[in-house]
Protein backbone atom coordinates (compact mmCIF):
# COMPACT_ATOMS: atom_id res chain seq x y z
CA UNK A 1 -10.42 -10.91 26.80
CA UNK A 2 -11.73 -14.47 27.04
CA UNK A 3 -10.53 -16.74 24.27
CA UNK A 4 -12.58 -19.46 22.66
CA UNK A 5 -11.05 -22.78 21.86
CA UNK A 6 -8.69 -22.61 18.93
CA UNK A 7 -9.82 -24.46 15.85
CA UNK A 8 -6.39 -25.51 14.69
CA UNK A 9 -3.54 -24.09 12.71
CA UNK A 10 -3.32 -23.49 9.03
CA UNK A 11 -1.38 -26.17 7.16
CA UNK A 12 1.21 -25.46 4.49
CA UNK A 13 0.37 -27.08 1.18
CA UNK A 14 2.75 -29.80 0.06
CA UNK A 15 3.21 -28.79 -3.54
CA UNK A 16 3.34 -31.50 -6.18
CA UNK A 17 5.27 -31.23 -9.45
CA UNK A 18 3.24 -29.26 -11.95
CA UNK A 19 0.91 -27.86 -9.30
CA UNK A 20 -0.22 -24.48 -10.58
CA UNK A 21 -2.08 -23.06 -7.59
CA UNK A 22 -0.79 -19.73 -6.28
CA UNK A 23 -1.95 -20.49 -2.76
CA UNK A 24 0.72 -21.45 -0.25
CA UNK A 25 -1.58 -22.19 2.68
CA UNK A 26 -4.89 -23.82 3.45
CA UNK A 27 -7.32 -23.75 6.31
CA UNK A 28 -8.45 -26.84 8.24
CA UNK A 29 -11.89 -28.22 7.50
CA UNK A 30 -13.24 -26.95 10.82
CA UNK A 31 -12.87 -23.36 9.62
CA UNK A 32 -15.38 -23.80 6.81
CA UNK A 33 -18.22 -22.92 9.13
CA UNK A 34 -21.28 -20.76 8.99
CA UNK A 35 -19.61 -17.82 10.75
CA UNK A 36 -17.28 -17.42 7.77
CA UNK A 37 -19.92 -17.50 5.07
CA UNK A 38 -19.93 -14.34 3.00
CA UNK A 39 -23.02 -12.34 3.87
CA UNK A 40 -26.14 -12.29 1.75
CA UNK A 41 -27.86 -9.10 0.68
CA UNK A 42 -31.35 -9.05 -0.80
CA UNK A 43 -31.29 -12.78 -1.31
CA UNK A 44 -28.13 -12.70 -3.42
CA UNK A 45 -24.78 -13.94 -2.20
CA UNK A 46 -22.06 -11.30 -1.95
CA UNK A 47 -18.90 -12.79 -3.46
CA UNK A 48 -15.53 -11.07 -3.89
CA UNK A 49 -17.05 -7.65 -3.33
CA UNK A 50 -15.12 -4.83 -1.71
CA UNK A 51 -15.82 -1.78 0.42
CA UNK A 52 -12.83 0.51 -0.13
CA UNK A 53 -12.14 2.94 2.72
CA UNK A 54 -9.59 5.76 2.24
CA UNK A 55 -9.98 5.03 -1.47
CA UNK A 56 -7.73 7.84 -2.68
CA UNK A 57 -7.46 7.86 -6.46
CA UNK A 58 -8.39 4.18 -6.73
CA UNK A 59 -5.15 2.21 -7.09
CA UNK A 60 -6.30 -0.31 -4.46
CA UNK A 61 -9.32 -0.88 -6.68
CA UNK A 62 -7.13 -1.30 -9.77
CA UNK A 63 -5.07 -4.03 -8.11
CA UNK A 64 -8.08 -5.90 -6.74
CA UNK A 65 -10.00 -5.73 -10.01
CA UNK A 66 -7.06 -7.33 -11.82
CA UNK A 67 -7.53 -10.29 -9.45
CA UNK A 68 -11.27 -10.58 -9.98
CA UNK A 69 -12.68 -8.46 -7.12
CA UNK A 70 -15.46 -5.89 -7.52
CA UNK A 71 -15.47 -2.62 -5.60
CA UNK A 72 -19.06 -1.69 -4.75
CA UNK A 73 -18.38 1.07 -2.22
CA UNK A 74 -15.63 3.68 -1.86
CA UNK A 75 -15.03 6.41 0.70
CA UNK A 76 -12.55 9.25 1.03
CA UNK A 77 -12.51 12.76 2.46
CA UNK A 78 -10.44 14.44 -0.29
CA UNK A 79 -12.45 15.99 -3.18
CA UNK A 80 -9.36 16.19 -5.43
CA UNK A 81 -8.78 12.46 -5.05
CA UNK A 82 -12.44 11.74 -5.71
CA UNK A 83 -12.19 13.79 -8.91
CA UNK A 84 -9.22 11.70 -10.09
CA UNK A 85 -10.96 8.48 -9.03
CA UNK A 86 -14.18 9.21 -10.90
CA UNK A 87 -12.33 10.51 -13.97
CA UNK A 88 -10.66 7.12 -14.34
CA UNK A 89 -13.45 4.80 -13.16
CA UNK A 90 -16.46 5.69 -15.24
CA UNK A 91 -18.70 3.01 -13.69
CA UNK A 92 -18.74 4.13 -10.06
CA UNK A 93 -22.57 4.19 -10.08
CA UNK A 94 -22.52 6.78 -7.33
CA UNK A 95 -20.87 4.40 -4.85
CA UNK A 96 -18.09 6.88 -3.95
CA UNK A 97 -19.09 8.64 -0.72
CA UNK A 98 -17.13 11.83 -0.04
CA UNK A 99 -17.20 11.93 3.75
CA UNK A 100 -15.08 12.07 6.88
CA UNK A 101 -14.70 8.46 8.09
CA UNK A 102 -15.70 9.60 11.59
CA UNK A 103 -19.05 10.83 10.24
CA UNK A 104 -19.74 8.01 7.78
CA UNK A 105 -23.09 6.32 8.40
CA UNK A 106 -22.61 2.53 8.54
CA UNK A 107 -26.02 1.92 6.98
CA UNK A 108 -24.70 3.48 3.77
CA UNK A 109 -22.03 0.78 3.51
CA UNK A 110 -23.18 -2.38 1.73
CA UNK A 111 -22.37 -5.87 2.97
CA UNK A 112 -19.19 -7.08 1.29
CA UNK A 113 -16.70 -9.91 1.47
CA UNK A 114 -13.72 -7.59 1.94
CA UNK A 115 -13.02 -4.13 3.33
CA UNK A 116 -9.76 -2.33 2.59
CA UNK A 117 -8.27 0.51 4.62
CA UNK A 118 -5.22 2.39 3.39
CA UNK A 119 -5.57 5.06 6.06
CA UNK A 120 -3.46 8.26 6.22
CA UNK A 121 0.19 7.67 7.06
CA UNK A 122 1.11 11.27 7.93
CA UNK A 123 1.45 10.69 11.66
CA UNK A 124 3.15 7.27 11.29
CA UNK A 125 5.74 8.07 8.64
CA UNK A 126 9.36 8.73 9.56
CA UNK A 127 9.01 11.92 7.51
CA UNK A 128 6.15 13.12 9.74
CA UNK A 129 5.83 14.28 13.33
CA UNK A 130 5.32 10.68 14.57
CA UNK A 131 2.18 11.49 16.58
CA UNK A 132 0.94 8.00 15.75
CA UNK A 133 -2.69 6.91 15.86
CA UNK A 134 -3.51 9.87 18.09
CA UNK A 135 -2.45 12.30 15.34
CA UNK A 136 -5.00 14.31 13.39
CA UNK A 137 -4.62 12.31 10.16
CA UNK A 138 -3.73 8.75 11.18
CA UNK A 139 -6.39 8.71 13.89
CA UNK A 140 -8.77 8.06 11.00
CA UNK A 141 -7.99 4.39 11.68
CA UNK A 142 -10.25 4.62 14.73
CA UNK A 143 -13.03 5.95 12.53
CA UNK A 144 -12.66 2.82 10.43
CA UNK A 145 -12.81 0.61 13.52
CA UNK A 146 -15.88 2.49 14.75
CA UNK A 147 -17.64 1.95 11.42
CA UNK A 148 -16.92 -1.77 11.55
CA UNK A 149 -18.20 -1.97 15.12
CA UNK A 150 -21.46 -0.23 14.20
CA UNK A 151 -21.99 -2.61 11.29
CA UNK A 152 -22.39 -5.47 13.77
CA UNK A 153 -22.90 -8.84 12.08
CA UNK A 154 -22.53 -7.19 8.67
CA UNK A 155 -18.81 -6.73 9.25
CA UNK A 156 -16.83 -8.17 6.30
CA UNK A 157 -15.25 -11.59 6.86
CA UNK A 158 -11.90 -10.24 5.62
CA UNK A 159 -10.01 -6.94 5.96
CA UNK A 160 -6.92 -5.70 4.14
CA UNK A 161 -5.12 -2.84 5.90
CA UNK A 162 -2.11 -0.97 4.49
CA UNK A 163 0.25 1.65 5.83
CA UNK A 164 3.89 2.70 6.03
CA UNK A 165 6.46 0.56 7.79
CA UNK A 166 6.62 3.23 10.50
CA UNK A 167 3.26 1.93 11.73
CA UNK A 168 5.20 -0.97 13.25
CA UNK A 169 7.49 1.26 15.33
CA UNK A 170 5.29 4.26 16.16
CA UNK A 171 5.36 4.86 19.92
CA UNK A 172 7.66 1.86 20.38
CA UNK A 173 5.11 -0.41 18.73
CA UNK A 174 2.23 0.47 21.04
CA UNK A 175 0.13 2.00 18.25
CA UNK A 176 0.39 -1.14 16.11
CA UNK A 177 -0.42 -3.35 19.09
CA UNK A 178 -3.45 -1.22 20.00
CA UNK A 179 -4.70 -1.37 16.41
CA UNK A 180 -4.38 -5.16 16.22
CA UNK A 181 -6.07 -5.66 19.59
CA UNK A 182 -8.93 -3.45 18.41
CA UNK A 183 -9.38 -5.76 15.42
CA UNK A 184 -9.23 -8.78 17.76
CA UNK A 185 -12.04 -7.26 19.81
CA UNK A 186 -14.14 -7.07 16.66
CA UNK A 187 -13.64 -10.80 16.14
CA UNK A 188 -10.70 -10.76 13.72
CA UNK A 189 -7.43 -12.67 13.88
CA UNK A 190 -4.57 -10.81 12.22
CA UNK A 191 -1.70 -11.52 9.85
CA UNK A 192 0.86 -8.74 9.20
CA UNK A 193 3.49 -8.85 6.47
CA UNK A 194 5.69 -6.47 4.47
CA UNK A 195 5.70 -6.06 0.69
CA UNK A 196 8.21 -3.93 -1.24
CA UNK A 197 6.98 -2.35 -4.48
CA UNK A 198 10.50 -2.80 -5.90
CA UNK A 199 9.64 -6.49 -6.42
CA UNK A 200 7.18 -5.34 -9.08
CA UNK A 201 8.15 -1.83 -10.24
CA UNK A 202 11.35 0.29 -10.10
CA UNK A 203 10.39 2.08 -6.88
CA UNK A 204 11.72 1.48 -3.39
CA UNK A 205 8.50 1.39 -1.36
CA UNK A 206 8.09 -0.93 1.62
CA UNK A 207 4.59 -1.14 3.02
CA UNK A 208 3.09 -2.96 5.99
CA UNK A 209 -0.07 -4.96 5.28
CA UNK A 210 -2.46 -6.72 7.63
CA UNK A 211 -4.97 -9.35 6.52
CA UNK A 212 -7.60 -9.81 9.22
CA UNK A 213 -10.10 -12.69 9.16
CA UNK A 214 -13.12 -13.23 11.38
CA UNK A 215 -12.66 -16.27 13.55
CA UNK A 216 -10.76 -17.83 16.40
CA UNK A 217 -8.10 -19.89 14.63
CA UNK A 218 -4.53 -18.97 15.49
CA UNK A 219 -1.07 -19.68 14.14
CA UNK A 220 1.75 -17.78 15.82
CA UNK A 221 4.71 -19.26 13.96
CA UNK A 222 6.45 -16.60 11.84
CA UNK A 223 9.13 -18.20 9.66
CA UNK A 224 12.12 -16.20 8.47
CA UNK A 225 11.02 -14.46 5.26
CA UNK A 226 11.47 -11.13 3.47
CA UNK A 227 7.73 -10.71 3.99
CA UNK A 228 8.22 -10.85 7.74
CA UNK A 229 11.58 -9.19 8.46
CA UNK A 230 13.28 -9.47 11.84
CA UNK A 231 11.56 -6.40 13.33
CA UNK A 232 8.12 -7.76 12.48
CA UNK A 233 8.92 -11.29 13.70
CA UNK A 234 10.24 -9.82 16.93
CA UNK A 235 7.04 -7.81 17.36
CA UNK A 236 4.89 -10.92 16.82
CA UNK A 237 6.90 -12.91 19.36
CA UNK A 238 6.75 -10.07 21.89
CA UNK A 239 2.95 -9.79 21.77
CA UNK A 240 1.29 -13.11 22.63
CA UNK A 241 -1.78 -11.14 23.76
CA UNK A 242 -2.61 -10.50 20.09
CA UNK A 243 -4.60 -13.20 18.31
CA UNK A 244 -2.44 -14.01 15.29
CA UNK A 245 -3.20 -16.18 12.28
CA UNK A 246 -0.07 -16.24 10.11
CA UNK A 247 -0.21 -17.69 6.62
CA UNK A 248 2.81 -19.22 4.88
CA UNK A 249 3.28 -17.03 1.81
CA UNK A 250 5.66 -17.30 -1.15
CA UNK A 251 8.18 -14.54 -1.76
CA UNK A 252 7.41 -12.70 -5.02
CA UNK A 253 9.97 -13.19 -7.75
CA UNK A 254 11.46 -9.74 -8.44
CA UNK A 255 10.87 -8.42 -11.96
CA UNK A 256 14.11 -6.40 -11.85
CA UNK A 257 12.58 -3.46 -13.70
CA UNK A 258 14.65 -0.28 -13.93
CA UNK A 259 13.98 3.43 -13.70
CA UNK A 260 14.58 3.83 -17.44
CA UNK A 261 11.63 1.51 -18.10
CA UNK A 262 9.13 4.10 -16.89
CA UNK A 263 10.61 7.37 -18.17
CA UNK A 264 8.84 9.46 -20.76
CA UNK A 265 10.93 10.23 -23.84
CA UNK A 266 11.12 14.00 -23.48
CA UNK A 267 13.49 15.94 -25.79
CA UNK A 268 16.28 17.92 -24.16
CA UNK A 269 14.51 21.20 -24.98
CA UNK A 270 11.16 20.15 -23.49
CA UNK A 271 9.61 22.66 -21.11
CA UNK A 272 9.67 20.14 -18.26
CA UNK A 273 13.46 20.40 -17.98
CA UNK A 274 14.63 23.12 -15.60
CA UNK A 275 16.55 26.18 -16.70
CA UNK A 276 20.37 26.04 -16.58
CA UNK A 277 20.39 28.33 -13.54
CA UNK A 278 17.96 26.13 -11.64
CA UNK A 279 19.81 22.95 -12.64
CA UNK A 280 23.12 24.47 -11.53
CA UNK A 281 21.60 25.41 -8.19
CA UNK A 282 20.40 21.83 -7.76
CA UNK A 283 23.88 20.46 -8.51
CA UNK A 284 25.45 22.86 -6.02
CA UNK A 285 23.09 21.65 -3.30
CA UNK A 286 24.76 18.24 -3.27
CA UNK A 287 27.23 17.08 -0.64
CA UNK A 288 30.71 16.06 -1.78
CA UNK A 289 29.70 12.39 -1.93
CA UNK A 290 26.60 12.96 -4.03
CA UNK A 291 28.41 15.53 -6.19
CA UNK A 292 31.02 12.89 -7.08
CA UNK A 293 28.27 10.52 -8.17
CA UNK A 294 26.73 13.25 -10.30
CA UNK A 295 30.08 14.19 -11.86
CA UNK A 296 30.70 10.56 -12.75
CA UNK A 297 27.36 10.45 -14.57
CA UNK A 298 28.09 13.73 -16.35
CA UNK A 299 31.47 12.48 -17.62
CA UNK A 300 30.04 9.22 -18.97
CA UNK A 301 29.92 8.54 -22.71
CA UNK A 302 26.24 7.71 -22.41
CA UNK A 303 23.22 9.14 -20.69
CA UNK A 304 22.26 7.70 -17.34
CA UNK A 305 19.53 8.61 -14.88
CA UNK A 306 19.11 9.06 -11.15
CA UNK A 307 16.33 10.24 -8.89
CA UNK A 308 16.73 12.73 -6.09
CA UNK A 309 15.01 14.34 -3.15
CA UNK A 310 15.91 17.46 -1.24
CA UNK A 311 16.47 16.72 2.44
CA UNK A 312 17.37 18.93 5.37
CA UNK A 313 20.78 18.04 6.81
CA UNK A 314 22.16 20.12 9.67
CA UNK A 315 19.51 22.78 9.01
CA UNK A 316 20.54 23.00 5.35
CA UNK A 317 18.62 21.84 2.27
CA UNK A 318 20.68 19.20 0.45
CA UNK A 319 20.06 17.38 -2.83
CA UNK A 320 20.69 13.63 -2.60
CA UNK A 321 20.63 11.31 -5.60
CA UNK A 322 20.28 7.53 -5.84
CA UNK A 323 21.95 5.70 -8.74
CA UNK A 324 20.80 2.10 -8.19
CA UNK A 325 18.27 2.13 -11.03
CA UNK A 326 15.30 2.63 -8.70
CA UNK A 327 13.19 5.63 -7.88
CA UNK A 328 12.85 6.64 -4.29
CA UNK A 329 9.53 6.14 -2.52
CA UNK A 330 6.92 8.48 -3.99
CA UNK A 331 5.67 10.91 -1.40
CA UNK A 332 2.94 13.50 -1.09
CA UNK A 333 4.40 16.86 -2.20
CA UNK A 334 3.46 18.93 0.84
CA UNK A 335 5.56 22.08 0.81
CA UNK A 336 7.34 20.94 -2.35
CA UNK A 337 10.00 18.84 -0.58
CA UNK A 338 8.23 15.59 -1.38
CA UNK A 339 8.41 16.05 -5.15
CA UNK A 340 10.86 13.58 -6.66
CA UNK A 341 13.49 14.90 -9.08
CA UNK A 342 14.99 13.25 -12.15
CA UNK A 343 18.67 13.82 -12.94
CA UNK A 344 19.83 12.98 -16.48
CA UNK A 345 23.55 13.24 -17.28
CA UNK A 346 26.17 12.19 -19.83
CA UNK A 347 28.45 13.50 -22.60
CA UNK A 348 29.51 16.38 -20.34
CA UNK A 349 25.95 17.62 -19.88
CA UNK A 350 23.19 17.30 -17.32
CA UNK A 351 19.46 17.99 -17.15
CA UNK A 352 17.09 18.22 -14.19
CA UNK A 353 13.30 18.08 -13.88
CA UNK A 354 10.53 16.67 -11.73
CA UNK A 355 9.13 13.24 -12.43
CA UNK A 356 6.00 13.66 -14.52
CA UNK A 357 2.57 12.46 -13.38
CA UNK A 358 2.68 9.73 -16.04
CA UNK A 359 6.03 8.51 -14.73
CA UNK A 360 4.61 8.48 -11.20
CA UNK A 361 1.65 6.46 -12.44
CA UNK A 362 4.02 3.93 -14.01
CA UNK A 363 6.03 3.73 -10.79
CA UNK A 364 2.81 2.68 -9.06
CA UNK A 365 2.03 0.11 -11.74
CA UNK A 366 -0.92 2.20 -12.93
CA UNK A 367 0.43 2.76 -16.45
CA UNK A 368 -2.92 3.51 -18.10
CA UNK A 369 -4.43 5.62 -15.32
CA UNK A 370 -6.43 8.61 -16.59
CA UNK A 371 -4.52 11.62 -15.29
CA UNK A 372 -6.45 14.80 -14.52
CA UNK A 373 -5.98 17.84 -12.32
CA UNK A 374 -2.94 20.00 -11.63
CA UNK A 375 0.63 18.71 -11.39
CA UNK A 376 0.59 18.83 -7.59
CA UNK A 377 -2.82 17.14 -7.39
CA UNK A 378 -1.53 14.29 -9.54
CA UNK A 379 1.71 13.94 -7.62
CA UNK A 380 -0.20 14.00 -4.33
CA UNK A 381 -2.65 11.37 -5.57
CA UNK A 382 0.03 8.93 -6.67
CA UNK A 383 2.31 9.63 -3.71
CA UNK A 384 -0.50 8.75 -1.32
CA UNK A 385 -1.55 5.56 -3.13
CA UNK A 386 -0.70 1.85 -3.23
CA UNK A 387 1.34 -0.08 -5.77
CA UNK A 388 -1.13 -1.80 -8.12
CA UNK A 389 0.83 -5.01 -8.89
CA UNK A 390 1.62 -5.45 -5.18
CA UNK A 391 -2.11 -5.39 -4.41
CA UNK A 392 -2.80 -7.74 -7.30
CA UNK A 393 -0.19 -10.17 -5.95
CA UNK A 394 -1.71 -10.07 -2.45
CA UNK A 395 -5.16 -10.68 -3.91
CA UNK A 396 -4.11 -13.57 -6.11
CA UNK A 397 -1.79 -15.18 -3.56
CA UNK A 398 -3.72 -14.62 -0.35
CA UNK A 399 -7.20 -13.14 -0.70
CA UNK A 400 -8.48 -15.30 -3.55
CA UNK A 401 -7.62 -18.67 -1.92
CA UNK A 402 -8.96 -17.33 1.37
CA UNK A 403 -12.23 -16.20 -0.23
CA UNK A 404 -12.62 -19.58 -1.94
CA UNK A 405 -12.42 -21.31 1.43
CA UNK A 406 -14.66 -18.87 3.22
CA UNK A 407 -17.40 -18.98 0.60
CA UNK A 408 -17.26 -22.57 -0.62
CA UNK A 409 -19.76 -24.22 1.70
CA UNK A 410 -22.11 -23.80 4.65
CA UNK A 411 -22.36 -26.11 7.61
């Protein structure tokens, strides 16, 4: 692919005492050009508007709205997720289109400043079959790319893409490379980084994000940072054929929240707690190492809490707990194995139950989300969503300063 002349690299801001701006990067004056201007529709400028693909239950929208963005279009294929989305967001104005991304008509998508794509992770996750972007679910990414291509000059100036960290390693990195090159071919330069939800909420949940901007500017320097761990820096260095544009971003200050911060105060005789027989069975599923951790909690003179998943080890279902004060990564409860378990123990007693939908909402930073549907529908919706404060941080730290530059003036 023929490259145009680079316009220069982004310059880190030299911060002065008392400087309050969240932005950690700026773009050279040459980039404030007509090709970056946010598109106009019907004579009115489109500013900080969003087309939300793979919208799910709407947690991407929640995070962006907290940073001043307005979602004007949403698309997903799952009717249960649409039901949860519309139950919470009363003002959708019919902009949620229930449709397969491969069949979505581009003319139905309005011109916006930003498009988001949190496409299915099933074929990229370590817990899945690792079929990658050719798999039945994760191949939806190509439907997104096709929609952008058909939009022509109406393509948004900025994209925000999210998926599991396994996207980076699927098929030895070829899938990720192919995806980034496809965005390059559409005129975007790309900037990948990793954000862990545990910086904001008590859930261990690393996710890979890509901000893509239309233009030819490139910066390939990837400084050592928790946002670009060694595997990602190595990938960037190994793929000079990709047109990169890497921003210098601050590392979020961890809030150090704990699992106990999000738990509902359910009495010991609440129906959510499992029967003694079921709780005993759960305890007996533990390996010796995990059983010792559980026994230590049981013998404590106070109640403490742990989360657990059942995992198959040597063809046997095993219960494994984590006692670091964090929940494990919420997952979609296909087949029941993805449902996260709460273990409460102390004073010689122990109690076991599933995390409630409200607790899952809190783990995603969506504390006030309107919860509807069955237990499994709720758990699936939250397990397949994004962490709200992580999205808000990306919007405030990266997207807002970027949008200000892209929309500030015409040449």
